[in-house]
Amino acid sequence: MFSWFSSEKPERKNYMKIEVLGTGCVRCNTAEAIVKEAVSISGVDAQVVKVSDRMEIAKAGVLMTPAVIVDGHVKAVGKVPEIEDVLRWINESQS
């Protein structure tokens, strides 16, 4: 059972993790802003994580940035996604 005084976290259903991979260029920052806006519009409980460490980007198997990974699945590489694409990925991930 969840208690405000314990370190336990409540179970989160429909929780997703969206990673935006990029080194900080304008396109990467734009991709991050689009992903955050899509999450806000969709109303899902999602954690948006910016990954800028080149070694972590390489570990993900991504050769070009920006890239977007939704729940461990690479969805875009080397381009800024359209907001409609991100909303579709969020919906697909919840199915």
N, C-alpha and C. Protein backbone atom coordinates (compact mmCIF):
# COMPACT_ATOMS: atom_id res chain seq x y z
N MET A 1 0.84 -1.17 0.00
CA MET A 1 0.00 0.00 0.00
C MET A 1 0.88 1.24 0.00
N PHE A 2 0.47 2.25 -0.70
CA PHE A 2 1.24 3.48 -0.82
C PHE A 2 1.05 4.35 0.41
N SER A 3 2.13 4.89 0.89
CA SER A 3 2.09 5.82 2.02
C SER A 3 3.00 7.00 1.69
N TRP A 4 2.55 8.19 2.03
CA TRP A 4 3.37 9.37 1.76
C TRP A 4 4.67 9.32 2.54
N PHE A 5 4.74 8.49 3.55
CA PHE A 5 5.91 8.44 4.40
C PHE A 5 6.84 7.28 4.07
N SER A 6 6.55 6.57 3.01
CA SER A 6 7.43 5.47 2.63
C SER A 6 8.09 5.79 1.29
N SER A 7 9.08 5.01 0.94
CA SER A 7 9.77 5.23 -0.32
C SER A 7 9.09 4.47 -1.47
N GLU A 8 8.02 3.73 -1.15
CA GLU A 8 7.31 2.99 -2.18
C GLU A 8 6.59 3.95 -3.11
N LYS A 9 6.56 3.57 -4.36
CA LYS A 9 5.83 4.38 -5.34
C LYS A 9 4.58 3.61 -5.74
N PRO A 10 3.50 4.31 -5.98
CA PRO A 10 2.30 3.60 -6.41
C PRO A 10 2.51 3.02 -7.80
N GLU A 11 1.80 1.93 -8.08
CA GLU A 11 1.88 1.36 -9.42
C GLU A 11 1.27 2.34 -10.40
N ARG A 12 1.91 2.49 -11.54
CA ARG A 12 1.43 3.43 -12.53
C ARG A 12 1.02 2.66 -13.77
N LYS A 13 -0.23 2.77 -14.10
CA LYS A 13 -0.72 2.11 -15.30
C LYS A 13 -0.64 3.11 -16.44
N ASN A 14 -0.38 2.61 -17.63
CA ASN A 14 -0.25 3.44 -18.82
C ASN A 14 0.90 4.43 -18.71
N TYR A 15 1.88 4.13 -17.89
CA TYR A 15 3.06 4.98 -17.74
C TYR A 15 4.01 4.64 -18.88
N MET A 16 4.54 5.67 -19.51
CA MET A 16 5.50 5.40 -20.58
C MET A 16 6.71 6.30 -20.44
N LYS A 17 7.78 5.85 -21.07
CA LYS A 17 9.03 6.61 -21.08
C LYS A 17 9.33 6.97 -22.53
N ILE A 18 9.53 8.26 -22.76
CA ILE A 18 9.88 8.74 -24.09
C ILE A 18 11.24 9.42 -23.98
N GLU A 19 12.18 8.93 -24.77
CA GLU A 19 13.52 9.48 -24.77
C GLU A 19 13.74 10.28 -26.05
N VAL A 20 14.32 11.46 -25.89
CA VAL A 20 14.71 12.28 -27.02
C VAL A 20 16.23 12.31 -27.01
N LEU A 21 16.83 11.75 -28.05
CA LEU A 21 18.27 11.66 -28.13
C LEU A 21 18.80 12.78 -29.00
N GLY A 22 19.76 13.52 -28.47
CA GLY A 22 20.35 14.62 -29.22
C GLY A 22 21.39 15.33 -28.40
N THR A 23 22.31 15.96 -29.09
CA THR A 23 23.45 16.59 -28.41
C THR A 23 23.22 18.04 -28.03
N GLY A 24 22.05 18.58 -28.32
CA GLY A 24 21.75 19.94 -27.92
C GLY A 24 21.63 20.91 -29.08
N CYS A 25 21.63 20.42 -30.29
CA CYS A 25 21.48 21.30 -31.45
C CYS A 25 20.03 21.81 -31.52
N VAL A 26 19.80 22.75 -32.39
CA VAL A 26 18.47 23.35 -32.52
C VAL A 26 17.44 22.29 -32.89
N ARG A 27 17.77 21.40 -33.81
CA ARG A 27 16.82 20.36 -34.22
C ARG A 27 16.49 19.41 -33.07
N CYS A 28 17.48 19.08 -32.27
CA CYS A 28 17.26 18.19 -31.13
C CYS A 28 16.38 18.87 -30.08
N ASN A 29 16.62 20.14 -29.83
CA ASN A 29 15.80 20.89 -28.88
C ASN A 29 14.37 21.04 -29.38
N THR A 30 14.22 21.21 -30.69
CA THR A 30 12.88 21.29 -31.28
C THR A 30 12.15 19.97 -31.13
N ALA A 31 12.85 18.86 -31.36
CA ALA A 31 12.24 17.54 -31.20
C ALA A 31 11.78 17.33 -29.77
N GLU A 32 12.58 17.75 -28.81
CA GLU A 32 12.20 17.62 -27.40
C GLU A 32 10.95 18.45 -27.10
N ALA A 33 10.89 19.66 -27.61
CA ALA A 33 9.73 20.53 -27.37
C ALA A 33 8.46 19.93 -27.98
N ILE A 34 8.57 19.34 -29.17
CA ILE A 34 7.42 18.72 -29.82
C ILE A 34 6.94 17.52 -29.02
N VAL A 35 7.87 16.71 -28.54
CA VAL A 35 7.50 15.54 -27.73
C VAL A 35 6.79 15.98 -26.45
N LYS A 36 7.31 16.99 -25.79
CA LYS A 36 6.69 17.47 -24.55
C LYS A 36 5.29 18.03 -24.83
N GLU A 37 5.14 18.73 -25.93
CA GLU A 37 3.82 19.26 -26.28
C GLU A 37 2.84 18.13 -26.57
N ALA A 38 3.29 17.11 -27.29
CA ALA A 38 2.42 15.97 -27.60
C ALA A 38 1.99 15.24 -26.33
N VAL A 39 2.90 15.08 -25.39
CA VAL A 39 2.57 14.44 -24.11
C VAL A 39 1.53 15.27 -23.38
N SER A 40 1.71 16.57 -23.39
CA SER A 40 0.75 17.46 -22.74
C SER A 40 -0.63 17.37 -23.38
N ILE A 41 -0.68 17.36 -24.69
CA ILE A 41 -1.95 17.27 -25.42
C ILE A 41 -2.64 15.93 -25.15
N SER A 42 -1.86 14.86 -25.15
CA SER A 42 -2.43 13.52 -25.01
C SER A 42 -2.93 13.25 -23.60
N GLY A 43 -2.33 13.90 -22.60
CA GLY A 43 -2.74 13.69 -21.23
C GLY A 43 -2.23 12.40 -20.61
N VAL A 44 -1.31 11.71 -21.28
CA VAL A 44 -0.78 10.46 -20.73
C VAL A 44 0.24 10.75 -19.64
N ASP A 45 0.44 9.75 -18.80
CA ASP A 45 1.44 9.83 -17.75
C ASP A 45 2.75 9.34 -18.36
N ALA A 46 3.57 10.27 -18.81
CA ALA A 46 4.81 9.90 -19.50
C ALA A 46 5.98 10.69 -18.94
N GLN A 47 7.11 10.03 -18.90
CA GLN A 47 8.35 10.67 -18.52
C GLN A 47 9.12 10.97 -19.80
N VAL A 48 9.43 12.24 -20.04
CA VAL A 48 10.23 12.63 -21.20
C VAL A 48 11.65 12.85 -20.72
N VAL A 49 12.58 12.10 -21.31
CA VAL A 49 13.98 12.15 -20.89
C VAL A 49 14.83 12.62 -22.06
N LYS A 50 15.64 13.63 -21.83
CA LYS A 50 16.58 14.10 -22.86
C LYS A 50 17.89 13.37 -22.65
N VAL A 51 18.38 12.69 -23.68
CA VAL A 51 19.63 11.96 -23.62
C VAL A 51 20.63 12.68 -24.52
N SER A 52 21.65 13.27 -23.93
CA SER A 52 22.62 14.02 -24.72
C SER A 52 24.02 13.42 -24.70
N ASP A 53 24.23 12.42 -23.86
CA ASP A 53 25.53 11.75 -23.78
C ASP A 53 25.74 10.91 -25.04
N ARG A 54 26.80 11.20 -25.75
CA ARG A 54 27.07 10.50 -27.03
C ARG A 54 27.21 8.99 -26.86
N MET A 55 27.76 8.55 -25.74
CA MET A 55 27.90 7.11 -25.50
C MET A 55 26.54 6.45 -25.31
N GLU A 56 25.63 7.12 -24.60
CA GLU A 56 24.28 6.59 -24.40
C GLU A 56 23.51 6.56 -25.72
N ILE A 57 23.72 7.57 -26.54
CA ILE A 57 23.07 7.62 -27.86
C ILE A 57 23.57 6.46 -28.70
N ALA A 58 24.88 6.21 -28.67
CA ALA A 58 25.45 5.10 -29.43
C ALA A 58 24.94 3.76 -28.91
N LYS A 59 24.79 3.61 -27.60
CA LYS A 59 24.27 2.37 -27.02
C LYS A 59 22.86 2.08 -27.50
N ALA A 60 22.11 3.12 -27.81
CA ALA A 60 20.74 2.94 -28.31
C ALA A 60 20.73 2.51 -29.77
N GLY A 61 21.90 2.51 -30.40
CA GLY A 61 21.99 2.09 -31.81
C GLY A 61 21.61 3.20 -32.77
N VAL A 62 21.62 4.42 -32.29
CA VAL A 62 21.23 5.56 -33.11
C VAL A 62 22.48 6.20 -33.70
N LEU A 63 22.49 6.39 -35.02
CA LEU A 63 23.64 6.97 -35.68
C LEU A 63 23.44 8.45 -36.01
N MET A 64 22.20 8.89 -36.05
CA MET A 64 21.90 10.29 -36.35
C MET A 64 20.90 10.83 -35.33
N THR A 65 21.04 12.10 -35.02
CA THR A 65 20.10 12.75 -34.11
C THR A 65 19.43 13.90 -34.83
N PRO A 66 18.28 14.32 -34.37
CA PRO A 66 17.56 13.84 -33.19
C PRO A 66 16.94 12.47 -33.43
N ALA A 67 16.68 11.79 -32.34
CA ALA A 67 15.99 10.51 -32.39
C ALA A 67 14.98 10.46 -31.24
N VAL A 68 13.93 9.69 -31.44
CA VAL A 68 12.90 9.55 -30.42
C VAL A 68 12.67 8.06 -30.17
N ILE A 69 12.67 7.68 -28.90
CA ILE A 69 12.43 6.30 -28.49
C ILE A 69 11.24 6.31 -27.55
N VAL A 70 10.23 5.51 -27.87
CA VAL A 70 9.03 5.41 -27.03
C VAL A 70 8.97 4.00 -26.45
N ASP A 71 9.04 3.92 -25.13
CA ASP A 71 9.01 2.64 -24.42
C ASP A 71 9.98 1.62 -25.03
N GLY A 72 11.19 2.09 -25.34
CA GLY A 72 12.24 1.21 -25.84
C GLY A 72 12.23 0.96 -27.32
N HIS A 73 11.27 1.52 -28.04
CA HIS A 73 11.17 1.32 -29.49
C HIS A 73 11.58 2.60 -30.21
N VAL A 74 12.59 2.50 -31.08
CA VAL A 74 13.05 3.66 -31.84
C VAL A 74 11.97 4.02 -32.85
N LYS A 75 11.52 5.27 -32.79
CA LYS A 75 10.43 5.73 -33.66
C LYS A 75 10.91 6.70 -34.72
N ALA A 76 11.95 7.47 -34.45
CA ALA A 76 12.45 8.44 -35.44
C ALA A 76 13.95 8.59 -35.26
N VAL A 77 14.66 8.71 -36.37
CA VAL A 77 16.10 8.90 -36.35
C VAL A 77 16.47 9.93 -37.41
N GLY A 78 17.23 10.93 -37.00
CA GLY A 78 17.77 11.90 -37.94
C GLY A 78 16.79 12.93 -38.45
N LYS A 79 15.63 13.04 -37.77
CA LYS A 79 14.66 14.05 -38.19
C LYS A 79 13.84 14.52 -37.00
N VAL A 80 13.31 15.72 -37.16
CA VAL A 80 12.40 16.27 -36.15
C VAL A 80 11.02 15.71 -36.46
N PRO A 81 10.40 15.01 -35.51
CA PRO A 81 9.09 14.43 -35.79
C PRO A 81 7.99 15.49 -35.81
N GLU A 82 6.95 15.20 -36.54
CA GLU A 82 5.75 16.04 -36.52
C GLU A 82 4.97 15.69 -35.26
N ILE A 83 4.24 16.64 -34.72
CA ILE A 83 3.48 16.39 -33.50
C ILE A 83 2.46 15.27 -33.71
N GLU A 84 1.89 15.18 -34.91
CA GLU A 84 0.92 14.11 -35.21
C GLU A 84 1.58 12.74 -35.11
N ASP A 85 2.85 12.65 -35.53
CA ASP A 85 3.57 11.38 -35.43
C ASP A 85 3.74 10.98 -33.96
N VAL A 86 4.14 11.93 -33.14
CA VAL A 86 4.36 11.63 -31.71
C VAL A 86 3.05 11.22 -31.05
N LEU A 87 1.97 11.91 -31.36
CA LEU A 87 0.67 11.54 -30.80
C LEU A 87 0.28 10.13 -31.23
N ARG A 88 0.57 9.76 -32.47
CA ARG A 88 0.27 8.41 -32.95
C ARG A 88 1.11 7.38 -32.19
N TRP A 89 2.40 7.67 -31.98
CA TRP A 89 3.27 6.75 -31.25
C TRP A 89 2.78 6.56 -29.82
N ILE A 90 2.33 7.64 -29.21
CA ILE A 90 1.81 7.55 -27.84
C ILE A 90 0.57 6.65 -27.83
N ASN A 91 -0.33 6.85 -28.76
CA ASN A 91 -1.54 6.02 -28.83
C ASN A 91 -1.21 4.57 -29.10
N GLU A 92 -0.27 4.31 -30.00
CA GLU A 92 0.14 2.93 -30.30
C GLU A 92 0.75 2.26 -29.08
N SER A 93 1.51 3.01 -28.31
CA SER A 93 2.16 2.45 -27.13
C SER A 93 1.17 2.09 -26.05
N GLN A 94 0.05 2.77 -26.02
CA GLN A 94 -0.98 2.48 -25.01
C GLN A 94 -1.87 1.33 -25.41
N SER A 95 -1.83 0.92 -26.65
CA SER A 95 -2.70 -0.18 -27.12
C SER A 95 -2.20 -1.52 -26.68
